Protein backbone atom coordinates (compact mmCIF):
# COMPACT_ATOMS: atom_id res chain seq x y z
CA MET A 1 26.60 -136.94 -25.98
CA ILE A 2 23.29 -135.36 -26.91
CA ASN A 3 22.79 -133.28 -30.04
CA GLN A 4 20.29 -130.47 -29.49
CA GLY A 5 19.80 -128.13 -32.43
CA GLY A 6 23.38 -128.40 -33.61
CA ILE A 7 24.79 -128.07 -30.09
CA ILE A 8 26.46 -131.14 -28.66
CA LEU A 9 25.89 -131.49 -24.94
CA LYS A 10 27.79 -133.79 -22.65
CA GLU A 11 25.59 -136.10 -20.62
CA ALA A 12 26.55 -136.24 -16.95
CA ARG A 13 25.18 -137.86 -13.85
CA ILE A 14 25.51 -136.09 -10.56
CA VAL A 15 24.54 -137.68 -7.27
CA VAL A 16 22.14 -135.41 -5.42
CA PRO A 17 22.19 -135.55 -1.61
CA ASP A 18 18.92 -136.45 0.08
CA GLU A 19 17.35 -135.36 3.37
CA ARG A 20 19.35 -137.90 5.37
CA ASP A 21 22.60 -136.68 3.81
CA PHE A 22 21.80 -133.08 4.74
CA ALA A 23 20.93 -134.21 8.28
CA PHE A 24 24.39 -135.84 8.44
CA ALA A 25 26.01 -132.54 7.41
CA GLU A 26 23.93 -130.62 9.98
CA VAL A 27 25.09 -132.91 12.78
CA LEU A 28 28.71 -132.36 11.74
CA GLN A 29 28.06 -128.61 11.84
CA SER A 30 26.56 -128.94 15.33
CA LEU A 31 29.94 -130.37 16.38
CA GLY A 32 31.63 -127.20 15.16
CA VAL A 33 32.67 -128.46 11.74
CA ASN A 34 32.77 -125.73 9.11
CA ARG A 35 29.68 -125.83 6.83
CA SER A 36 31.72 -126.30 3.64
CA VAL A 37 33.82 -129.09 5.14
CA SER A 38 30.71 -130.85 6.48
CA MET A 39 29.08 -130.62 3.03
CA LEU A 40 32.20 -132.09 1.38
CA ILE A 41 32.38 -134.97 3.84
CA MET A 42 28.66 -135.62 3.39
CA PHE A 43 28.90 -135.63 -0.40
CA LEU A 44 32.15 -137.57 -0.80
CA ARG A 45 31.02 -140.33 1.53
CA GLY A 46 28.26 -141.16 -0.97
CA VAL A 47 30.33 -141.24 -4.16
CA LYS A 48 33.41 -143.06 -5.36
CA GLU A 49 34.94 -139.85 -6.70
CA ALA A 50 33.86 -136.43 -7.94
CA THR A 51 35.18 -133.39 -9.74
CA SER A 52 35.14 -129.94 -8.16
CA ARG A 53 32.31 -128.95 -10.49
CA GLU A 54 30.20 -131.99 -9.50
CA ILE A 55 30.77 -131.13 -5.84
CA GLU A 56 29.73 -127.52 -6.44
CA ILE A 57 26.52 -128.53 -8.21
CA ALA A 58 25.51 -131.24 -5.74
CA THR A 59 26.27 -129.29 -2.55
CA GLY A 60 25.42 -125.77 -3.62
CA LEU A 61 28.88 -124.58 -2.59
CA ARG A 62 30.76 -122.04 -4.70
CA GLN A 63 34.17 -122.85 -6.18
CA PRO A 64 36.15 -120.84 -3.57
CA GLU A 65 34.25 -122.59 -0.75
CA VAL A 66 35.09 -126.00 -2.23
CA SER A 67 38.77 -125.04 -2.60
CA ILE A 68 39.07 -123.76 0.98
CA ALA A 69 37.27 -126.81 2.40
CA MET A 70 39.47 -129.12 0.31
CA ARG A 71 42.51 -127.55 1.94
CA THR A 72 41.16 -128.60 5.35
CA MET A 73 40.38 -132.07 4.02
CA ARG A 74 43.93 -132.42 2.62
CA GLU A 75 45.52 -131.15 5.86
CA ASN A 76 43.73 -133.94 7.72
CA SER A 77 44.62 -136.51 5.02
CA TRP A 78 40.95 -137.26 4.48
CA VAL A 79 40.83 -136.71 0.73
CA LEU A 80 42.76 -138.02 -2.23
CA GLU A 81 43.21 -135.60 -5.11
CA LYS A 82 44.22 -136.58 -8.61
CA GLU A 83 44.41 -134.68 -11.86
CA ILE A 84 42.98 -135.85 -15.15
CA LYS A 85 44.46 -134.16 -18.18
CA HIS A 86 42.21 -132.92 -20.96
CA ILE A 87 42.92 -133.71 -24.57
CA GLY A 88 44.47 -130.59 -26.05
CA LYS A 89 44.77 -127.37 -24.10
CA GLY A 90 43.33 -126.45 -20.76
CA ARG A 91 43.97 -127.03 -17.12
CA PRO A 92 43.81 -130.56 -15.80
CA MET A 93 40.59 -131.45 -14.01
CA LYS A 94 40.86 -132.38 -10.33
CA VAL A 95 39.01 -135.42 -9.07
CA TYR A 96 38.51 -136.05 -5.35
CA SER A 97 37.68 -139.08 -3.24
CA LEU A 98 37.74 -139.87 0.45
CA GLN A 99 40.92 -141.68 1.40
CA THR A 100 39.90 -142.03 5.05
CA SER A 101 36.88 -144.03 6.08
CA ILE A 102 33.88 -142.12 7.35
CA ASP A 103 34.20 -144.05 10.62
CA ASP A 104 37.75 -142.72 11.08
CA ILE A 105 36.60 -139.17 10.34
CA ILE A 106 33.82 -139.49 12.92
CA GLU A 107 36.33 -140.93 15.40
CA PHE A 108 38.53 -137.87 14.81
CA PHE A 109 35.66 -135.58 15.84
CA GLU A 110 34.78 -137.81 18.79
CA THR A 111 38.37 -137.65 20.07
CA GLU A 112 38.49 -133.90 19.53
CA LYS A 113 35.26 -133.36 21.51
CA ARG A 114 36.41 -135.68 24.31
CA GLN A 115 39.64 -133.67 24.64
CA GLU A 116 37.70 -130.39 24.67
CA SER A 117 35.37 -131.76 27.36
CA ALA A 118 38.29 -132.94 29.47
CA GLN A 119 39.91 -129.50 29.21
CA THR A 120 36.65 -127.80 30.18
CA LEU A 121 36.19 -130.08 33.19
CA GLN A 122 39.80 -129.48 34.19
CA SER A 123 39.22 -125.71 34.05
CA ILE A 124 36.08 -126.03 36.18
CA SER A 125 37.98 -128.15 38.70
CA ARG A 126 40.76 -125.54 38.82
CA LEU A 127 38.17 -122.80 39.44
CA LYS A 128 36.76 -124.81 42.34
CA ASP A 129 40.25 -125.28 43.75
CA LEU A 130 40.92 -121.54 43.50
CA ILE A 131 37.79 -120.51 45.37
CA ALA A 132 38.34 -123.15 48.05
CA ALA A 133 41.85 -121.94 48.81
């Protein structure tokens, strides 16, 4: 805690993504991953755990964007969410961490893109069959 002119400030450390991290998020987006989800994956892969507020500050996402992206992350079982209760009143604080390895998440997208490619090639083949008949 820091005392500045009678005001006590809490000292916090927030990991700030670098150029390589943002490049990682951009590649995810090029695969069709939602921007907010790609930013969450990028940020959480570099930290042990983080609060919603830390995620907002580090990624530049707004609270609703973080919440919506977290829903996607939970649906895919990629993120672990736990609540830490405050002393006294107030809502518990949510803390997030990746529960799936980044390699498994990348494999998910690889599988998804392979399936999409196979479906596209199957459609093209069907078109060829239809014009040949």
